[in-house]
Amino acid sequence: MKIALGSDHAGFTYKEKIKAYLLLRRHEVVDFGTDSETPVDYPLFIRPAALAVSRGECDRGIVLGGSGNGEAITANKVPGIRCALCWNEQTAHWARQHNDANMLSIGQRTIDEPTALLIVKTWLETPFEGGRHARRVQEIESPL
């Protein structure tokens, strides 16, 4: 799977850990930055990752920040993106199973590293259930 990654300075450490995890499992990674813990504005790195997923250049995307909130909000402004902020294995499971989330947001300041990696694993391995959830995803995608 080809996965877009993006983070700000507050998510940089976990981004690097997640990148290593993904590469070890033979995923292709496109890293949109940032490349250090030097303070940056997260939309500059999150929007390009979301656009890559939206355009089909990447299959899915993972974005990280301090809380993950701003990153999820930024990603969800891009048409076709369903970015879920997840904080445990169950929320990651539901994000995929019920919402067909094509992007994942994680807050480095809110969870420990083993939990973050478990979230990524669960989110990658959980299929979309479809059925009644497919109708709801279509409703999300419908113009207002």
C-alpha atoms as a PDB file:
ATOM      1  CA  MET A   1       0.000   0.000   0.000  1.00  0.00           C
ATOM      2  CA  LYS A   2       1.228   3.508  -0.769  1.00  0.00           C
ATOM      3  CA  ILE A   3       0.809   5.744   2.265  1.00  0.00           C
ATOM      4  CA  ALA A   4       1.166   9.515   2.546  1.00  0.00           C
ATOM      5  CA  LEU A   5       2.652  10.819   5.796  1.00  0.00           C
ATOM      6  CA  GLY A   6       2.563  14.360   7.111  1.00  0.00           C
ATOM      7  CA  SER A   7       3.221  15.983  10.458  1.00  0.00           C
ATOM      8  CA  ASP A   8       4.101  19.168  12.194  1.00  0.00           C
ATOM      9  CA  HIS A   9       6.930  19.480  14.697  1.00  0.00           C
ATOM     10  CA  ALA A  10       4.788  18.082  17.526  1.00  0.00           C
ATOM     11  CA  GLY A  11       4.128  14.875  15.590  1.00  0.00           C
ATOM     12  CA  PHE A  12       7.565  14.477  14.024  1.00  0.00           C
ATOM     13  CA  THR A  13       8.933  11.789  16.366  1.00  0.00           C
ATOM     14  CA  TYR A  14       5.934   9.480  15.914  1.00  0.00           C
ATOM     15  CA  LYS A  15       5.919  10.147  12.163  1.00  0.00           C
ATOM     16  CA  GLU A  16       9.444   8.809  11.962  1.00  0.00           C
ATOM     17  CA  LYS A  17       8.546   5.755  14.092  1.00  0.00           C
ATOM     18  CA  ILE A  18       5.452   5.078  11.964  1.00  0.00           C
ATOM     19  CA  LYS A  19       7.463   5.491   8.766  1.00  0.00           C
ATOM     20  CA  ALA A  20       9.954   2.850   9.945  1.00  0.00           C
ATOM     21  CA  TYR A  21       7.052   0.560  10.939  1.00  0.00           C
ATOM     22  CA  LEU A  22       5.427   0.933   7.505  1.00  0.00           C
ATOM     23  CA  LEU A  23       8.649   0.398   5.572  1.00  0.00           C
ATOM     24  CA  LEU A  24       9.441  -2.717   7.617  1.00  0.00           C
ATOM     25  CA  ARG A  25       6.065  -4.087   6.496  1.00  0.00           C
ATOM     26  CA  ARG A  26       6.868  -3.285   2.859  1.00  0.00           C
ATOM     27  CA  HIS A  27       4.476  -0.369   2.430  1.00  0.00           C
ATOM     28  CA  GLU A  28       5.537   2.453   0.144  1.00  0.00           C
ATOM     29  CA  VAL A  29       5.758   5.747   2.023  1.00  0.00           C
ATOM     30  CA  VAL A  30       5.552   9.278   0.657  1.00  0.00           C
ATOM     31  CA  ASP A  31       6.733  11.645   3.401  1.00  0.00           C
ATOM     32  CA  PHE A  32       5.408  15.186   3.027  1.00  0.00           C
ATOM     33  CA  GLY A  33       7.340  16.409   6.064  1.00  0.00           C
ATOM     34  CA  THR A  34       8.156  18.066   8.339  1.00  0.00           C
ATOM     35  CA  ASP A  35      11.714  16.921   8.827  1.00  0.00           C
ATOM     36  CA  SER A  36      12.468  18.072  12.377  1.00  0.00           C
ATOM     37  CA  GLU A  37      11.027  19.302  15.662  1.00  0.00           C
ATOM     38  CA  THR A  38      11.506  22.928  14.600  1.00  0.00           C
ATOM     39  CA  PRO A  39       8.112  24.671  14.910  1.00  0.00           C
ATOM     40  CA  VAL A  40       6.126  24.820  11.656  1.00  0.00           C
ATOM     41  CA  ASP A  41       2.545  25.457  10.536  1.00  0.00           C
ATOM     42  CA  TYR A  42       0.887  22.052  10.135  1.00  0.00           C
ATOM     43  CA  PRO A  43      -1.368  22.877   7.125  1.00  0.00           C
ATOM     44  CA  LEU A  44       1.773  23.228   4.982  1.00  0.00           C
ATOM     45  CA  PHE A  45       2.476  19.501   5.476  1.00  0.00           C
ATOM     46  CA  ILE A  46      -0.966  18.029   6.038  1.00  0.00           C
ATOM     47  CA  ARG A  47      -2.729  19.510   2.993  1.00  0.00           C
ATOM     48  CA  PRO A  48      -0.249  18.036   0.455  1.00  0.00           C
ATOM     49  CA  ALA A  49      -0.601  14.588   2.087  1.00  0.00           C
ATOM     50  CA  ALA A  50      -4.401  14.829   1.926  1.00  0.00           C
ATOM     51  CA  LEU A  51      -4.290  16.010  -1.681  1.00  0.00           C
ATOM     52  CA  ALA A  52      -2.135  13.005  -2.614  1.00  0.00           C
ATOM     53  CA  VAL A  53      -4.769  10.668  -1.165  1.00  0.00           C
ATOM     54  CA  SER A  54      -7.630  12.622  -2.739  1.00  0.00           C
ATOM     55  CA  ARG A  55      -6.000  12.475  -6.186  1.00  0.00           C
ATOM     56  CA  GLY A  56      -5.312   8.739  -5.875  1.00  0.00           C
ATOM     57  CA  GLU A  57      -1.541   9.222  -5.818  1.00  0.00           C
ATOM     58  CA  CYS A  58      -1.489   7.473  -2.418  1.00  0.00           C
ATOM     59  CA  ASP A  59      -3.888   4.800  -1.175  1.00  0.00           C
ATOM     60  CA  ARG A  60      -4.179   6.203   2.346  1.00  0.00           C
ATOM     61  CA  GLY A  61      -2.618   8.828   4.569  1.00  0.00           C
ATOM     62  CA  ILE A  62      -1.493   9.277   8.151  1.00  0.00           C
ATOM     63  CA  VAL A  63      -1.060  12.716   9.704  1.00  0.00           C
ATOM     64  CA  LEU A  64       0.294  13.632  13.111  1.00  0.00           C
ATOM     65  CA  GLY A  65       0.502  16.587  15.420  1.00  0.00           C
ATOM     66  CA  GLY A  66       0.375  17.391  19.112  1.00  0.00           C
ATOM     67  CA  SER A  67      -3.319  16.572  19.501  1.00  0.00           C
ATOM     68  CA  GLY A  68      -4.124  15.492  15.941  1.00  0.00           C
ATOM     69  CA  ASN A  69      -7.157  17.792  15.888  1.00  0.00           C
ATOM     70  CA  GLY A  70      -5.848  20.500  13.563  1.00  0.00           C
ATOM     71  CA  GLU A  71      -4.363  17.867  11.304  1.00  0.00           C
ATOM     72  CA  ALA A  72      -7.692  16.026  10.980  1.00  0.00           C
ATOM     73  CA  ILE A  73      -9.546  19.292  10.374  1.00  0.00           C
ATOM     74  CA  THR A  74      -7.068  20.321   7.678  1.00  0.00           C
ATOM     75  CA  ALA A  75      -7.196  16.943   5.937  1.00  0.00           C
ATOM     76  CA  ASN A  76     -10.999  16.866   6.029  1.00  0.00           C
ATOM     77  CA  LYS A  77     -11.178  20.165   4.135  1.00  0.00           C
ATOM     78  CA  VAL A  78      -9.898  18.290   1.057  1.00  0.00           C
ATOM     79  CA  PRO A  79     -12.712  16.754  -1.030  1.00  0.00           C
ATOM     80  CA  GLY A  80     -12.861  12.968  -0.807  1.00  0.00           C
ATOM     81  CA  ILE A  81     -10.960  12.746   2.469  1.00  0.00           C
ATOM     82  CA  ARG A  82     -12.373  11.000   5.495  1.00  0.00           C
ATOM     83  CA  CYS A  83      -9.733  11.567   8.166  1.00  0.00           C
ATOM     84  CA  ALA A  84     -10.396  10.062  11.587  1.00  0.00           C
ATOM     85  CA  LEU A  85      -8.697  11.224  14.765  1.00  0.00           C
ATOM     86  CA  CYS A  86      -8.015   7.995  16.663  1.00  0.00           C
ATOM     87  CA  TRP A  87      -6.739   7.545  20.204  1.00  0.00           C
ATOM     88  CA  ASN A  88      -7.025   3.799  20.724  1.00  0.00           C
ATOM     89  CA  GLU A  89      -7.369   0.516  18.854  1.00  0.00           C
ATOM     90  CA  GLN A  90     -11.182   0.561  18.929  1.00  0.00           C
ATOM     91  CA  THR A  91     -11.534   4.021  17.395  1.00  0.00           C
ATOM     92  CA  ALA A  92      -9.122   2.996  14.632  1.00  0.00           C
ATOM     93  CA  HIS A  93     -11.123  -0.168  14.003  1.00  0.00           C
ATOM     94  CA  TRP A  94     -14.424   1.729  13.764  1.00  0.00           C
ATOM     95  CA  ALA A  95     -12.880   4.441  11.592  1.00  0.00           C
ATOM     96  CA  ARG A  96     -12.135   1.849   8.940  1.00  0.00           C
ATOM     97  CA  GLN A  97     -15.022  -0.568   9.504  1.00  0.00           C
ATOM     98  CA  HIS A  98     -17.808   2.021   9.673  1.00  0.00           C
ATOM     99  CA  ASN A  99     -16.413   5.143   7.977  1.00  0.00           C
ATOM    100  CA  ASP A 100     -13.966   3.796   5.391  1.00  0.00           C
ATOM    101  CA  ALA A 101     -11.492   6.381   6.713  1.00  0.00           C
ATOM    102  CA  ASN A 102      -8.817   6.943   4.100  1.00  0.00           C
ATOM    103  CA  MET A 103      -6.725   9.065   6.447  1.00  0.00           C
ATOM    104  CA  LEU A 104      -5.746   8.664  10.064  1.00  0.00           C
ATOM    105  CA  SER A 105      -4.790  11.437  12.488  1.00  0.00           C
ATOM    106  CA  ILE A 106      -2.825  10.789  15.674  1.00  0.00           C
ATOM    107  CA  GLY A 107      -1.848  13.147  18.501  1.00  0.00           C
ATOM    108  CA  GLN A 108       1.686  12.501  19.703  1.00  0.00           C
ATOM    109  CA  ARG A 109       1.057  14.415  22.936  1.00  0.00           C
ATOM    110  CA  THR A 110      -2.053  12.382  23.782  1.00  0.00           C
ATOM    111  CA  ILE A 111      -1.004   8.723  23.525  1.00  0.00           C
ATOM    112  CA  ASP A 112       2.106   6.643  24.032  1.00  0.00           C
ATOM    113  CA  GLU A 113       4.165   5.249  21.165  1.00  0.00           C
ATOM    114  CA  PRO A 114       3.065   1.584  21.474  1.00  0.00           C
ATOM    115  CA  THR A 115      -0.567   2.712  21.297  1.00  0.00           C
ATOM    116  CA  ALA A 116       0.163   4.846  18.238  1.00  0.00           C
ATOM    117  CA  LEU A 117       1.710   1.883  16.435  1.00  0.00           C
ATOM    118  CA  LEU A 118      -1.192  -0.374  17.439  1.00  0.00           C
ATOM    119  CA  ILE A 119      -3.612   2.223  16.047  1.00  0.00           C
ATOM    120  CA  VAL A 120      -1.738   2.246  12.736  1.00  0.00           C
ATOM    121  CA  LYS A 121      -1.685  -1.564  12.585  1.00  0.00           C
ATOM    122  CA  THR A 122      -5.401  -1.826  13.335  1.00  0.00           C
ATOM    123  CA  TRP A 123      -6.325   0.943  10.890  1.00  0.00           C
ATOM    124  CA  LEU A 124      -4.313  -0.677   8.089  1.00  0.00           C
ATOM    125  CA  GLU A 125      -5.681  -4.180   8.684  1.00  0.00           C
ATOM    126  CA  THR A 126      -9.372  -3.409   9.225  1.00  0.00           C
ATOM    127  CA  PRO A 127     -11.540  -3.638   6.098  1.00  0.00           C
ATOM    128  CA  PHE A 128     -14.553  -1.426   5.385  1.00  0.00           C
ATOM    129  CA  GLU A 129     -17.703  -3.330   6.309  1.00  0.00           C
ATOM    130  CA  GLY A 130     -19.907  -1.734   3.646  1.00  0.00           C
ATOM    131  CA  GLY A 131     -23.622  -2.494   3.950  1.00  0.00           C
ATOM    132  CA  ARG A 132     -25.491   0.185   5.864  1.00  0.00           C
ATOM    133  CA  HIS A 133     -22.198   2.022   6.339  1.00  0.00           C
ATOM    134  CA  ALA A 134     -21.725   2.425   2.573  1.00  0.00           C
ATOM    135  CA  ARG A 135     -24.883   4.519   2.379  1.00  0.00           C
ATOM    136  CA  ARG A 136     -23.622   6.727   5.189  1.00  0.00           C
ATOM    137  CA  VAL A 137     -20.245   7.216   3.533  1.00  0.00           C
ATOM    138  CA  GLN A 138     -22.069   8.225   0.337  1.00  0.00           C
ATOM    139  CA  GLU A 139     -24.075  10.735   2.362  1.00  0.00           C
ATOM    140  CA  ILE A 140     -20.840  12.187   3.750  1.00  0.00           C
ATOM    141  CA  GLU A 141     -19.525  12.585   0.205  1.00  0.00           C
ATOM    142  CA  SER A 142     -22.741  14.159  -1.146  1.00  0.00           C
ATOM    143  CA  PRO A 143     -22.614  17.885  -1.853  1.00  0.00           C
ATOM    144  CA  LEU A 144     -24.695  20.040   0.476  1.00  0.00           C
END
